[in-house]
Amino acid sequence: MEGKKVAFVPITMGFDLTQGWMAAVERDAERLGYELTIRDPNWNVDAGAQAIEQLINEKPDVLIVHNNDMQAYAKLIRRAMDAGINVIQMNLKTPVNSDAFVGGTGTMSG
């Protein structure tokens, strides 16, 4: 991963779950030598969509997206993948199959 660019768009950085994820990603960035960009939409879906659109234009090697809901970023995730960006969805998966999904399936929850 050395020299690669990774971008992370959480739903917000304002709570401990995403702060914990960010700490892990930052630790890996340092260990593996990749550049990390964070775009915090602060719970605003439109701001998140704008951040993802900007990142598609910037062409990071990997885009990590924490979806607000199943549909909000689906088309943008498809566009990112069509642009050759590896996409990882976190916590909530859209109907678009990205390169990876990190989160629960709900079948073993509750």
N, C-alpha and C. Protein backbone atom coordinates (compact mmCIF):
# COMPACT_ATOMS: atom_id res chain seq x y z
N MET A 1 0.81 -1.20 0.00
CA MET A 1 0.00 0.00 0.00
C MET A 1 0.86 1.27 0.00
N GLU A 2 2.15 1.09 0.11
CA GLU A 2 3.01 2.26 0.17
C GLU A 2 2.83 3.13 -1.07
N GLY A 3 2.64 4.43 -0.81
CA GLY A 3 2.46 5.38 -1.89
C GLY A 3 1.05 5.48 -2.43
N LYS A 4 0.16 4.64 -1.98
CA LYS A 4 -1.24 4.67 -2.43
C LYS A 4 -2.00 5.77 -1.69
N LYS A 5 -3.14 6.15 -2.26
CA LYS A 5 -4.00 7.16 -1.64
C LYS A 5 -5.32 6.51 -1.24
N VAL A 6 -5.68 6.70 0.02
CA VAL A 6 -6.92 6.15 0.57
C VAL A 6 -7.75 7.31 1.09
N ALA A 7 -9.04 7.31 0.75
CA ALA A 7 -9.95 8.35 1.22
C ALA A 7 -11.06 7.70 2.04
N PHE A 8 -11.46 8.37 3.11
CA PHE A 8 -12.49 7.86 4.00
C PHE A 8 -13.58 8.91 4.14
N VAL A 9 -14.83 8.51 3.84
CA VAL A 9 -15.99 9.38 4.02
C VAL A 9 -16.91 8.69 5.03
N PRO A 10 -16.80 9.09 6.31
CA PRO A 10 -17.69 8.52 7.33
C PRO A 10 -19.03 9.25 7.31
N ILE A 11 -19.98 8.79 8.11
CA ILE A 11 -21.21 9.57 8.23
C ILE A 11 -20.94 10.82 9.06
N THR A 12 -20.03 10.71 10.00
CA THR A 12 -19.54 11.83 10.80
C THR A 12 -18.32 11.36 11.58
N MET A 13 -17.48 12.28 11.95
CA MET A 13 -16.37 11.93 12.83
C MET A 13 -16.71 12.29 14.27
N GLY A 14 -17.96 12.66 14.51
CA GLY A 14 -18.35 13.18 15.81
C GLY A 14 -18.82 12.15 16.83
N PHE A 15 -18.53 10.87 16.63
CA PHE A 15 -18.86 9.91 17.67
C PHE A 15 -17.83 8.79 17.71
N ASP A 16 -17.84 8.04 18.81
CA ASP A 16 -16.74 7.13 19.10
C ASP A 16 -16.58 5.98 18.10
N LEU A 17 -17.64 5.52 17.47
CA LEU A 17 -17.51 4.42 16.51
C LEU A 17 -16.61 4.82 15.34
N THR A 18 -16.93 5.93 14.70
CA THR A 18 -16.11 6.35 13.56
C THR A 18 -14.74 6.84 14.01
N GLN A 19 -14.64 7.38 15.19
CA GLN A 19 -13.33 7.78 15.71
C GLN A 19 -12.44 6.55 15.91
N GLY A 20 -13.04 5.47 16.37
CA GLY A 20 -12.30 4.21 16.52
C GLY A 20 -11.85 3.66 15.18
N TRP A 21 -12.75 3.68 14.20
CA TRP A 21 -12.37 3.22 12.86
C TRP A 21 -11.24 4.08 12.31
N MET A 22 -11.37 5.39 12.51
CA MET A 22 -10.36 6.31 11.99
C MET A 22 -9.01 6.05 12.64
N ALA A 23 -9.00 5.78 13.92
CA ALA A 23 -7.74 5.49 14.60
C ALA A 23 -7.07 4.26 13.99
N ALA A 24 -7.87 3.25 13.67
CA ALA A 24 -7.32 2.03 13.06
C ALA A 24 -6.79 2.32 11.66
N VAL A 25 -7.53 3.09 10.88
CA VAL A 25 -7.10 3.41 9.51
C VAL A 25 -5.85 4.28 9.54
N GLU A 26 -5.79 5.22 10.46
CA GLU A 26 -4.59 6.06 10.59
C GLU A 26 -3.38 5.23 11.00
N ARG A 27 -3.59 4.31 11.92
CA ARG A 27 -2.49 3.43 12.35
C ARG A 27 -1.98 2.60 11.17
N ASP A 28 -2.91 2.07 10.38
CA ASP A 28 -2.50 1.29 9.21
C ASP A 28 -1.82 2.17 8.16
N ALA A 29 -2.29 3.39 8.00
CA ALA A 29 -1.67 4.30 7.03
C ALA A 29 -0.20 4.53 7.39
N GLU A 30 0.04 4.73 8.67
CA GLU A 30 1.42 4.94 9.11
C GLU A 30 2.25 3.67 8.92
N ARG A 31 1.68 2.55 9.29
CA ARG A 31 2.40 1.27 9.21
C ARG A 31 2.65 0.84 7.77
N LEU A 32 1.65 1.05 6.90
CA LEU A 32 1.74 0.56 5.52
C LEU A 32 2.20 1.62 4.51
N GLY A 33 2.25 2.88 4.95
CA GLY A 33 2.79 3.93 4.10
C GLY A 33 1.86 4.50 3.06
N TYR A 34 0.55 4.49 3.33
CA TYR A 34 -0.35 5.13 2.37
C TYR A 34 -0.81 6.49 2.89
N GLU A 35 -1.20 7.33 1.94
CA GLU A 35 -1.69 8.67 2.26
C GLU A 35 -3.19 8.59 2.55
N LEU A 36 -3.62 9.22 3.62
CA LEU A 36 -5.02 9.14 4.04
C LEU A 36 -5.68 10.51 3.98
N THR A 37 -6.86 10.55 3.36
CA THR A 37 -7.68 11.75 3.30
C THR A 37 -9.02 11.45 3.96
N ILE A 38 -9.49 12.36 4.79
CA ILE A 38 -10.79 12.19 5.45
C ILE A 38 -11.69 13.35 5.05
N ARG A 39 -12.91 13.04 4.66
CA ARG A 39 -13.91 14.06 4.36
C ARG A 39 -15.11 13.81 5.27
N ASP A 40 -15.31 14.67 6.23
CA ASP A 40 -16.37 14.49 7.23
C ASP A 40 -17.62 15.28 6.83
N PRO A 41 -18.68 14.61 6.40
CA PRO A 41 -19.91 15.32 6.03
C PRO A 41 -20.79 15.68 7.23
N ASN A 42 -20.40 15.25 8.42
CA ASN A 42 -21.10 15.60 9.65
C ASN A 42 -22.61 15.33 9.57
N TRP A 43 -22.97 14.10 9.24
CA TRP A 43 -24.35 13.60 9.16
C TRP A 43 -25.12 14.12 7.95
N ASN A 44 -24.53 14.94 7.11
CA ASN A 44 -25.25 15.54 5.99
C ASN A 44 -25.03 14.69 4.73
N VAL A 45 -26.09 14.05 4.26
CA VAL A 45 -25.99 13.16 3.10
C VAL A 45 -25.54 13.93 1.85
N ASP A 46 -26.06 15.13 1.66
CA ASP A 46 -25.65 15.93 0.50
C ASP A 46 -24.17 16.27 0.55
N ALA A 47 -23.68 16.63 1.73
CA ALA A 47 -22.25 16.93 1.88
C ALA A 47 -21.42 15.68 1.65
N GLY A 48 -21.92 14.53 2.09
CA GLY A 48 -21.23 13.27 1.84
C GLY A 48 -21.17 12.94 0.36
N ALA A 49 -22.29 13.16 -0.33
CA ALA A 49 -22.33 12.92 -1.78
C ALA A 49 -21.35 13.84 -2.50
N GLN A 50 -21.31 15.09 -2.08
CA GLN A 50 -20.38 16.04 -2.69
C GLN A 50 -18.93 15.61 -2.43
N ALA A 51 -18.66 15.15 -1.22
CA ALA A 51 -17.30 14.69 -0.90
C ALA A 51 -16.91 13.50 -1.77
N ILE A 52 -17.84 12.57 -1.94
CA ILE A 52 -17.55 11.39 -2.77
C ILE A 52 -17.33 11.80 -4.22
N GLU A 53 -18.16 12.71 -4.73
CA GLU A 53 -17.98 13.19 -6.11
C GLU A 53 -16.60 13.84 -6.28
N GLN A 54 -16.20 14.66 -5.33
CA GLN A 54 -14.88 15.29 -5.41
C GLN A 54 -13.78 14.24 -5.38
N LEU A 55 -13.94 13.25 -4.53
CA LEU A 55 -12.92 12.21 -4.44
C LEU A 55 -12.86 11.37 -5.71
N ILE A 56 -13.99 11.13 -6.34
CA ILE A 56 -13.96 10.41 -7.62
C ILE A 56 -13.09 11.18 -8.62
N ASN A 57 -13.23 12.50 -8.62
CA ASN A 57 -12.41 13.33 -9.52
C ASN A 57 -10.93 13.31 -9.13
N GLU A 58 -10.65 13.15 -7.83
CA GLU A 58 -9.27 13.11 -7.35
C GLU A 58 -8.63 11.74 -7.53
N LYS A 59 -9.45 10.72 -7.76
CA LYS A 59 -9.01 9.36 -8.04
C LYS A 59 -8.09 8.74 -6.98
N PRO A 60 -8.57 8.60 -5.75
CA PRO A 60 -7.76 7.85 -4.79
C PRO A 60 -7.71 6.38 -5.23
N ASP A 61 -6.77 5.64 -4.69
CA ASP A 61 -6.69 4.22 -5.02
C ASP A 61 -7.81 3.44 -4.33
N VAL A 62 -8.16 3.88 -3.13
CA VAL A 62 -9.20 3.22 -2.34
C VAL A 62 -10.12 4.28 -1.75
N LEU A 63 -11.41 4.02 -1.81
CA LEU A 63 -12.42 4.90 -1.21
C LEU A 63 -13.20 4.09 -0.20
N ILE A 64 -13.15 4.52 1.06
CA ILE A 64 -13.90 3.86 2.13
C ILE A 64 -15.12 4.72 2.42
N VAL A 65 -16.31 4.13 2.31
CA VAL A 65 -17.55 4.87 2.49
C VAL A 65 -18.38 4.24 3.60
N HIS A 66 -18.75 5.07 4.56
CA HIS A 66 -19.67 4.68 5.62
C HIS A 66 -21.04 5.23 5.23
N ASN A 67 -21.89 4.38 4.71
CA ASN A 67 -23.19 4.80 4.17
C ASN A 67 -24.16 5.24 5.26
N ASN A 68 -24.91 6.30 4.97
CA ASN A 68 -25.99 6.74 5.87
C ASN A 68 -27.20 5.83 5.77
N ASP A 69 -27.49 5.40 4.55
CA ASP A 69 -28.59 4.48 4.31
C ASP A 69 -28.25 3.66 3.08
N MET A 70 -29.12 2.75 2.71
CA MET A 70 -28.80 1.81 1.63
C MET A 70 -28.78 2.45 0.24
N GLN A 71 -29.42 3.58 0.05
CA GLN A 71 -29.53 4.16 -1.29
C GLN A 71 -28.72 5.43 -1.51
N ALA A 72 -28.41 6.16 -0.45
CA ALA A 72 -27.86 7.51 -0.57
C ALA A 72 -26.66 7.61 -1.51
N TYR A 73 -25.73 6.67 -1.40
CA TYR A 73 -24.50 6.77 -2.18
C TYR A 73 -24.35 5.66 -3.22
N ALA A 74 -25.38 4.90 -3.46
CA ALA A 74 -25.27 3.73 -4.35
C ALA A 74 -24.75 4.10 -5.74
N LYS A 75 -25.32 5.12 -6.36
CA LYS A 75 -24.88 5.51 -7.71
C LYS A 75 -23.45 6.03 -7.70
N LEU A 76 -23.09 6.74 -6.64
CA LEU A 76 -21.73 7.27 -6.55
C LEU A 76 -20.71 6.15 -6.34
N ILE A 77 -21.09 5.15 -5.58
CA ILE A 77 -20.20 4.00 -5.39
C ILE A 77 -19.97 3.30 -6.73
N ARG A 78 -21.02 3.15 -7.51
CA ARG A 78 -20.89 2.56 -8.85
C ARG A 78 -19.98 3.42 -9.72
N ARG A 79 -20.17 4.74 -9.68
CA ARG A 79 -19.32 5.65 -10.48
C ARG A 79 -17.86 5.54 -10.07
N ALA A 80 -17.62 5.46 -8.77
CA ALA A 80 -16.24 5.34 -8.29
C ALA A 80 -15.61 4.05 -8.82
N MET A 81 -16.34 2.97 -8.74
CA MET A 81 -15.80 1.70 -9.22
C MET A 81 -15.60 1.73 -10.73
N ASP A 82 -16.52 2.35 -11.46
CA ASP A 82 -16.37 2.49 -12.91
C ASP A 82 -15.15 3.33 -13.26
N ALA A 83 -14.76 4.23 -12.35
CA ALA A 83 -13.58 5.07 -12.56
C ALA A 83 -12.29 4.35 -12.14
N GLY A 84 -12.41 3.10 -11.72
CA GLY A 84 -11.23 2.32 -11.36
C GLY A 84 -10.79 2.47 -9.91
N ILE A 85 -11.65 3.04 -9.09
CA ILE A 85 -11.34 3.21 -7.67
C ILE A 85 -11.86 2.00 -6.90
N ASN A 86 -11.03 1.42 -6.06
CA ASN A 86 -11.47 0.32 -5.21
C ASN A 86 -12.31 0.89 -4.08
N VAL A 87 -13.52 0.36 -3.90
CA VAL A 87 -14.45 0.90 -2.91
C VAL A 87 -14.72 -0.13 -1.82
N ILE A 88 -14.60 0.34 -0.58
CA ILE A 88 -14.94 -0.46 0.59
C ILE A 88 -16.11 0.22 1.28
N GLN A 89 -17.20 -0.51 1.48
CA GLN A 89 -18.34 0.02 2.23
C GLN A 89 -18.22 -0.46 3.67
N MET A 90 -18.54 0.44 4.60
CA MET A 90 -18.46 0.11 6.02
C MET A 90 -19.83 0.19 6.67
N ASN A 91 -20.10 -0.77 7.51
CA ASN A 91 -21.23 -0.79 8.42
C ASN A 91 -22.57 -1.04 7.76
N LEU A 92 -22.85 -0.40 6.64
CA LEU A 92 -24.13 -0.58 5.95
C LEU A 92 -23.84 -0.69 4.46
N LYS A 93 -24.30 -1.76 3.86
CA LYS A 93 -24.03 -2.02 2.45
C LYS A 93 -25.17 -1.52 1.58
N THR A 94 -24.82 -0.91 0.47
CA THR A 94 -25.82 -0.51 -0.52
C THR A 94 -26.13 -1.71 -1.41
N PRO A 95 -27.14 -1.60 -2.27
CA PRO A 95 -27.40 -2.68 -3.23
C PRO A 95 -26.27 -2.88 -4.24
N VAL A 96 -25.37 -1.92 -4.34
CA VAL A 96 -24.23 -2.03 -5.25
C VAL A 96 -23.15 -2.87 -4.57
N ASN A 97 -22.72 -3.90 -5.26
CA ASN A 97 -21.63 -4.73 -4.73
C ASN A 97 -20.31 -4.03 -5.01
N SER A 98 -19.68 -3.55 -3.95
CA SER A 98 -18.39 -2.90 -4.09
C SER A 98 -17.28 -3.94 -3.95
N ASP A 99 -16.05 -3.47 -3.93
CA ASP A 99 -14.92 -4.39 -3.83
C ASP A 99 -14.88 -5.11 -2.49
N ALA A 100 -15.37 -4.45 -1.45
CA ALA A 100 -15.40 -5.09 -0.13
C ALA A 100 -16.47 -4.44 0.73
N PHE A 101 -16.92 -5.20 1.71
CA PHE A 101 -17.86 -4.70 2.71
C PHE A 101 -17.36 -5.13 4.07
N VAL A 102 -17.32 -4.17 5.00
CA VAL A 102 -16.91 -4.45 6.37
C VAL A 102 -18.09 -4.09 7.27
N GLY A 103 -18.70 -5.09 7.86
CA GLY A 103 -19.83 -4.84 8.74
C GLY A 103 -20.64 -6.10 8.94
N GLY A 104 -21.68 -5.99 9.72
CA GLY A 104 -22.54 -7.13 10.00
C GLY A 104 -23.56 -7.35 8.91
N THR A 105 -24.10 -8.53 8.89
CA THR A 105 -25.13 -8.86 7.90
C THR A 105 -26.52 -8.78 8.49
N GLY A 106 -26.62 -8.70 9.78
CA GLY A 106 -27.92 -8.66 10.43
C GLY A 106 -28.49 -10.03 10.71
N THR A 107 -27.96 -11.06 10.07
CA THR A 107 -28.50 -12.40 10.29
C THR A 107 -28.07 -12.97 11.63
N MET A 108 -26.99 -12.46 12.18
CA MET A 108 -26.52 -12.96 13.46
C MET A 108 -26.72 -11.94 14.57
N SER A 109 -27.30 -10.81 14.24
CA SER A 109 -27.52 -9.77 15.24
C SER A 109 -28.82 -9.99 15.97
N GLY A 110 -28.86 -9.58 17.22
CA GLY A 110 -30.08 -9.57 18.00
C GLY A 110 -30.71 -10.87 18.08
